[in-house]
C-alpha atoms as a PDB file:
ATOM      1  CA  MET A   1      80.486 107.927 108.716  1.00  0.00           C
ATOM      2  CA  TYR A   2      81.988 108.023 105.245  1.00  0.00           C
ATOM      3  CA  ALA A   3      80.106 109.347 101.500  1.00  0.00           C
ATOM      4  CA  VAL A   4      82.084 109.285  98.001  1.00  0.00           C
ATOM      5  CA  VAL A   5      80.574 112.589  96.535  1.00  0.00           C
ATOM      6  CA  GLY A   6      81.380 114.513  93.969  1.00  0.00           C
ATOM      7  CA  CYS A   7      81.970 117.897  92.858  1.00  0.00           C
ATOM      8  CA  ASN A   8      79.629 119.717  90.321  1.00  0.00           C
ATOM      9  CA  GLU A   9      82.091 121.785  88.940  1.00  0.00           C
ATOM     10  CA  CYS A  10      85.350 119.599  88.238  1.00  0.00           C
ATOM     11  CA  ALA A  11      83.970 116.276  88.864  1.00  0.00           C
ATOM     12  CA  ALA A  12      86.448 114.717  91.150  1.00  0.00           C
ATOM     13  CA  MET A  13      85.142 112.632  93.599  1.00  0.00           C
ATOM     14  CA  TRP A  14      86.596 112.173  97.238  1.00  0.00           C
ATOM     15  CA  LEU A  15      85.628 110.636 100.447  1.00  0.00           C
ATOM     16  CA  LEU A  16      83.942 113.087 102.660  1.00  0.00           C
ATOM     17  CA  SER A  17      83.957 111.929 106.556  1.00  0.00           C
ATOM     18  CA  ASP A  18      80.803 113.078 108.536  1.00  0.00           C
ATOM     19  CA  PRO A  19      78.821 114.088 106.261  1.00  0.00           C
ATOM     20  CA  GLU A  20      76.100 114.743 108.920  1.00  0.00           C
ATOM     21  CA  THR A  21      77.732 117.099 111.123  1.00  0.00           C
ATOM     22  CA  SER A  22      79.475 119.266 108.647  1.00  0.00           C
ATOM     23  CA  ASP A  23      78.187 122.233 106.567  1.00  0.00           C
ATOM     24  CA  SER A  24      80.901 122.496 103.863  1.00  0.00           C
ATOM     25  CA  ALA A  25      82.880 120.480 102.135  1.00  0.00           C
ATOM     26  CA  THR A  26      86.305 121.710  99.665  1.00  0.00           C
ATOM     27  CA  CYS A  27      86.766 120.106  96.785  1.00  0.00           C
ATOM     28  CA  PRO A  28      90.937 118.791  96.520  1.00  0.00           C
ATOM     29  CA  ARG A  29      91.103 118.903  93.086  1.00  0.00           C
ATOM     30  CA  CYS A  30      89.089 122.962  92.291  1.00  0.00           C
ATOM     31  CA  GLN A  31      89.434 123.959  95.485  1.00  0.00           C
ATOM     32  CA  LYS A  32      85.630 125.102  95.134  1.00  0.00           C
ATOM     33  CA  THR A  33      83.871 125.020  98.744  1.00  0.00           C
ATOM     34  CA  HIS A  34      80.427 123.392  98.854  1.00  0.00           C
ATOM     35  CA  ARG A  35      77.603 122.940 100.979  1.00  0.00           C
ATOM     36  CA  THR A  36      77.348 119.360 101.907  1.00  0.00           C
ATOM     37  CA  ALA A  37      73.984 119.093 102.041  1.00  0.00           C
ATOM     38  CA  LYS A  38      73.939 120.284  98.054  1.00  0.00           C
ATOM     39  CA  LEU A  39      76.826 117.570  97.569  1.00  0.00           C
ATOM     40  CA  LYS A  40      75.888 114.259  95.287  1.00  0.00           C
ATOM     41  CA  ARG A  41      76.344 111.164  97.472  1.00  0.00           C
ATOM     42  CA  PHE A  42      77.310 108.492  95.278  1.00  0.00           C
ATOM     43  CA  PHE A  43      77.829 105.756  98.188  1.00  0.00           C
ATOM     44  CA  GLU A  44      77.918 106.252 102.184  1.00  0.00           C
ATOM     45  CA  SER A  45      79.181 103.610 104.525  1.00  0.00           C
ATOM     46  CA  GLU A  46      80.459 103.786 108.792  1.00  0.00           C
ATOM     47  CA  ASP A  47      83.780 101.426 107.065  1.00  0.00           C
ATOM     48  CA  ARG A  48      86.318 103.467 105.383  1.00  0.00           C
ATOM     49  CA  GLU A  49      87.961 100.829 103.458  1.00  0.00           C
ATOM     50  CA  ALA A  50      84.414  99.976 102.199  1.00  0.00           C
ATOM     51  CA  ALA A  51      84.233 103.580 100.830  1.00  0.00           C
ATOM     52  CA  ARG A  52      87.593 103.809  99.553  1.00  0.00           C
ATOM     53  CA  GLU A  53      86.471 100.570  97.686  1.00  0.00           C
ATOM     54  CA  ALA A  54      83.936 102.339  96.618  1.00  0.00           C
ATOM     55  CA  ARG A  55      85.130 105.618  95.581  1.00  0.00           C
ATOM     56  CA  ALA A  56      87.808 103.203  93.148  1.00  0.00           C
ATOM     57  CA  ALA A  57      85.189 101.368  92.026  1.00  0.00           C
ATOM     58  CA  LEU A  58      83.135 104.353  90.887  1.00  0.00           C
ATOM     59  CA  LEU A  59      86.280 106.231  89.344  1.00  0.00           C
ATOM     60  CA  ALA A  60      87.376 102.911  87.119  1.00  0.00           C
ATOM     61  CA  LYS A  61      83.422 102.548  86.141  1.00  0.00           C
ATOM     62  CA  LYS A  62      83.771 106.338  85.442  1.00  0.00           C
ATOM     63  CA  ARG A  63      86.820 105.477  82.930  1.00  0.00           C
ATOM     64  CA  GLY A  64      85.398 102.744  81.770  1.00  0.00           C
ATOM     65  CA  GLU A  65      87.807 100.233  83.219  1.00  0.00           C
ATOM     66  CA  SER A  66      84.851  98.222  85.378  1.00  0.00           C
ATOM     67  CA  ALA A  67      86.382  94.981  83.759  1.00  0.00           C
ATOM     68  CA  ALA A  68      89.357  95.622  84.973  1.00  0.00           C
ATOM     69  CA  PHE A  69      89.079  96.341  88.324  1.00  0.00           C
ATOM     70  CA  ALA A  70      86.668  93.770  88.993  1.00  0.00           C
ATOM     71  CA  ASP A  71      89.673  91.624  88.677  1.00  0.00           C
ATOM     72  CA  VAL A  72      92.128  93.962  90.373  1.00  0.00           C
ATOM     73  CA  ALA A  73      92.144  92.884  94.333  1.00  0.00           C
ATOM     74  CA  HIS A  74      90.555  94.858  97.011  1.00  0.00           C
ATOM     75  CA  VAL A  75      92.098  98.355  97.830  1.00  0.00           C
ATOM     76  CA  SER A  76      94.043  97.309 101.324  1.00  0.00           C
ATOM     77  CA  GLU A  77      94.973  94.401  99.985  1.00  0.00           C
ATOM     78  CA  LEU A  78      96.948  96.181  97.328  1.00  0.00           C
ATOM     79  CA  GLU A  79      98.533  97.845 100.598  1.00  0.00           C
ATOM     80  CA  ARG A  80      99.791  95.477 102.122  1.00  0.00           C
ATOM     81  CA  ALA A  81     100.848  93.960  98.807  1.00  0.00           C
ATOM     82  CA  ALA A  82     102.824  96.967  97.973  1.00  0.00           C
ATOM     83  CA  ALA A  83     104.305  97.378 101.472  1.00  0.00           C
ATOM     84  CA  ASP A  84     105.633  93.780 101.267  1.00  0.00           C
ATOM     85  CA  ALA A  85     106.697  93.750  98.402  1.00  0.00           C
ATOM     86  CA  GLY A  86     110.363  94.469  97.531  1.00  0.00           C
ATOM     87  CA  VAL A  87     113.560  95.125  99.860  1.00  0.00           C
ATOM     88  CA  ASP A  88     113.118  98.512 102.233  1.00  0.00           C
ATOM     89  CA  ASP A  89     115.324 101.041 103.131  1.00  0.00           C
ATOM     90  CA  GLU A  90     117.371  99.411 105.886  1.00  0.00           C
ATOM     91  CA  GLU A  91     117.342  96.160 105.009  1.00  0.00           C
ATOM     92  CA  TYR A  92     118.542  97.622 101.452  1.00  0.00           C
ATOM     93  CA  LEU A  93     121.465  99.702 103.375  1.00  0.00           C
ATOM     94  CA  GLU A  94     122.622  96.596 105.543  1.00  0.00           C
ATOM     95  CA  ALA A  95     122.821  94.455 102.893  1.00  0.00           C
ATOM     96  CA  SER A  96     124.957  97.115 100.651  1.00  0.00           C
ATOM     97  CA  GLY A  97     127.461  96.903 103.540  1.00  0.00           C
ATOM     98  CA  VAL A  98     125.937 100.436 105.112  1.00  0.00           C
ATOM     99  CA  ASP A  99     124.974 101.150 108.327  1.00  0.00           C
ATOM    100  CA  ALA A 100     121.064 101.867 108.221  1.00  0.00           C
ATOM    101  CA  ASP A 101     121.381 103.959 111.710  1.00  0.00           C
ATOM    102  CA  ALA A 102     124.263 106.138 110.843  1.00  0.00           C
ATOM    103  CA  VAL A 103     122.332 107.090 107.428  1.00  0.00           C
ATOM    104  CA  ALA A 104     119.542 107.737 109.698  1.00  0.00           C
ATOM    105  CA  GLU A 105     121.620 109.986 111.750  1.00  0.00           C
ATOM    106  CA  ALA A 106     123.088 111.723 109.005  1.00  0.00           C
ATOM    107  CA  GLY A 107     119.838 112.010 107.438  1.00  0.00           C
ATOM    108  CA  ALA A 108     118.705 113.603 110.996  1.00  0.00           C
ATOM    109  CA  ARG A 109     121.634 115.858 110.706  1.00  0.00           C
ATOM    110  CA  ALA A 110     120.540 117.863 107.011  1.00  0.00           C
ATOM    111  CA  GLU A 111     117.145 117.983 107.882  1.00  0.00           C
ATOM    112  CA  GLY A 112     117.811 119.600 110.751  1.00  0.00           C
ATOM    113  CA  GLY A 113     116.671 117.174 113.098  1.00  0.00           C
ATOM    114  CA  SER A 114     118.879 117.501 115.947  1.00  0.00           C
ATOM    115  CA  SER A 115     118.579 121.368 116.453  1.00  0.00           C
ATOM    116  CA  GLY A 116     115.511 123.536 117.626  1.00  0.00           C
ATOM    117  CA  SER A 117     115.154 124.839 114.186  1.00  0.00           C
ATOM    118  CA  GLN A 118     112.475 122.947 111.648  1.00  0.00           C
ATOM    119  CA  SER A 119     114.123 120.728 108.971  1.00  0.00           C
ATOM    120  CA  ARG A 120     114.175 121.667 105.250  1.00  0.00           C
ATOM    121  CA  THR A 121     111.259 119.925 104.502  1.00  0.00           C
ATOM    122  CA  ASP A 122     109.153 121.225 106.967  1.00  0.00           C
ATOM    123  CA  VAL A 123     109.760 124.394 106.336  1.00  0.00           C
ATOM    124  CA  VAL A 124     108.567 123.452 102.755  1.00  0.00           C
ATOM    125  CA  ARG A 125     105.503 122.273 104.034  1.00  0.00           C
ATOM    126  CA  THR A 126     104.373 125.099 105.849  1.00  0.00           C
ATOM    127  CA  ALA A 127     105.070 127.366 103.132  1.00  0.00           C
ATOM    128  CA  VAL A 128     102.530 124.907 101.381  1.00  0.00           C
ATOM    129  CA  ASP A 129     100.040 125.306 104.360  1.00  0.00           C
ATOM    130  CA  GLU A 130     100.551 128.497 105.216  1.00  0.00           C
ATOM    131  CA  ALA A 131     100.676 130.318 101.692  1.00  0.00           C
ATOM    132  CA  ASP A 132      97.465 131.601 100.216  1.00  0.00           C
ATOM    133  CA  ASP A 133      98.180 130.914  96.902  1.00  0.00           C
ATOM    134  CA  PRO A 134     100.677 127.432  97.162  1.00  0.00           C
ATOM    135  CA  THR A 135     102.258 127.392  93.721  1.00  0.00           C
ATOM    136  CA  GLU A 136     105.629 126.675  93.836  1.00  0.00           C
ATOM    137  CA  ALA A 137     106.888 129.702  92.978  1.00  0.00           C
ATOM    138  CA  VAL A 138     105.469 131.243  96.091  1.00  0.00           C
ATOM    139  CA  VAL A 139     106.418 127.840  98.077  1.00  0.00           C
ATOM    140  CA  VAL A 140     109.800 127.836  96.987  1.00  0.00           C
ATOM    141  CA  GLU A 141     110.490 131.538  97.707  1.00  0.00           C
ATOM    142  CA  ARG A 142     108.579 131.240 100.929  1.00  0.00           C
ATOM    143  CA  ALA A 143     111.054 128.681 101.669  1.00  0.00           C
ATOM    144  CA  ALA A 144     113.722 130.509 100.346  1.00  0.00           C
ATOM    145  CA  ASP A 145     113.230 132.947 103.319  1.00  0.00           C
ATOM    146  CA  HIS A 146     114.211 130.554 105.819  1.00  0.00           C
ATOM    147  CA  GLY A 147     117.005 129.428 104.450  1.00  0.00           C
ATOM    148  CA  VAL A 148     116.000 126.461 101.788  1.00  0.00           C
ATOM    149  CA  PRO A 149     117.447 127.345  98.079  1.00  0.00           C
ATOM    150  CA  ALA A 150     115.204 126.837  95.813  1.00  0.00           C
ATOM    151  CA  GLU A 151     116.661 123.670  93.991  1.00  0.00           C
ATOM    152  CA  THR A 152     116.244 121.863  97.455  1.00  0.00           C
ATOM    153  CA  ALA A 153     112.644 123.392  98.246  1.00  0.00           C
ATOM    154  CA  ARG A 154     111.518 122.006  94.639  1.00  0.00           C
ATOM    155  CA  GLU A 155     112.838 118.511  95.265  1.00  0.00           C
ATOM    156  CA  ILE A 156     111.310 118.573  98.581  1.00  0.00           C
ATOM    157  CA  LEU A 157     107.788 119.741  96.608  1.00  0.00           C
ATOM    158  CA  ASP A 158     108.543 116.636  93.907  1.00  0.00           C
ATOM    159  CA  LYS A 159     109.086 114.405  97.102  1.00  0.00           C
ATOM    160  CA  LEU A 160     106.529 115.461  99.308  1.00  0.00           C
ATOM    161  CA  THR A 161     104.318 114.576  96.363  1.00  0.00           C
ATOM    162  CA  ARG A 162     105.101 111.115  95.147  1.00  0.00           C
ATOM    163  CA  ARG A 163     105.429 110.539  99.135  1.00  0.00           C
ATOM    164  CA  GLY A 164     101.582 111.474  99.202  1.00  0.00           C
ATOM    165  CA  ASP A 165     102.033 113.856 102.586  1.00  0.00           C
ATOM    166  CA  LEU A 166     100.894 116.434  99.315  1.00  0.00           C
ATOM    167  CA  SER A 167      99.086 117.281  96.490  1.00  0.00           C
ATOM    168  CA  GLU A 168      99.466 119.145  93.290  1.00  0.00           C
ATOM    169  CA  SER A 169      95.997 120.341  91.189  1.00  0.00           C
ATOM    170  CA  GLY A 170      96.505 122.308  88.615  1.00  0.00           C
ATOM    171  CA  GLY A 171      99.555 123.947  89.520  1.00  0.00           C
ATOM    172  CA  ARG A 172      98.358 124.422  93.767  1.00  0.00           C
ATOM    173  CA  TYR A 173     100.248 122.169  96.255  1.00  0.00           C
ATOM    174  CA  ARG A 174      97.565 121.540  98.955  1.00  0.00           C
ATOM    175  CA  VAL A 175      98.892 119.430 102.367  1.00  0.00           C
ATOM    176  CA  LEU A 176      97.493 115.942 102.921  1.00  0.00           C
END
């Protein structure tokens, strides 16, 4: 079971899985903890995709964009179209005359993938996950303590956020 719920503090809407069995839920934007029984449920479904689509429709309506939303394909269709569009990295490298396998191996070495230690990306992700107050400064400092240069840690934070592995709200990061 999935429910689209809303925060009474910051008005964020998110998907909550198993709302009947969980006692509490934390808002992904403001980090306020809510009792699930008290959360307003805007939509419920057994199907996760239906709940995602309902959340998207509610957000569009909230912003006065219902008509534009109606003209757009279903969220899952948009994801498939985005995945099919363009050229993937391997195809691009091969067309440019670069050995894609060699690039992948070099990337693994640069990230520390061939040794027993954590990669720089894993160090940054762990720093976000384990920090009490995961601001950029705190994460960069924790990563630097584990050998990741400050500028590299900032770049990794940015990359992970753009890729959707982390979220950033109010200057604080969270692992997704």
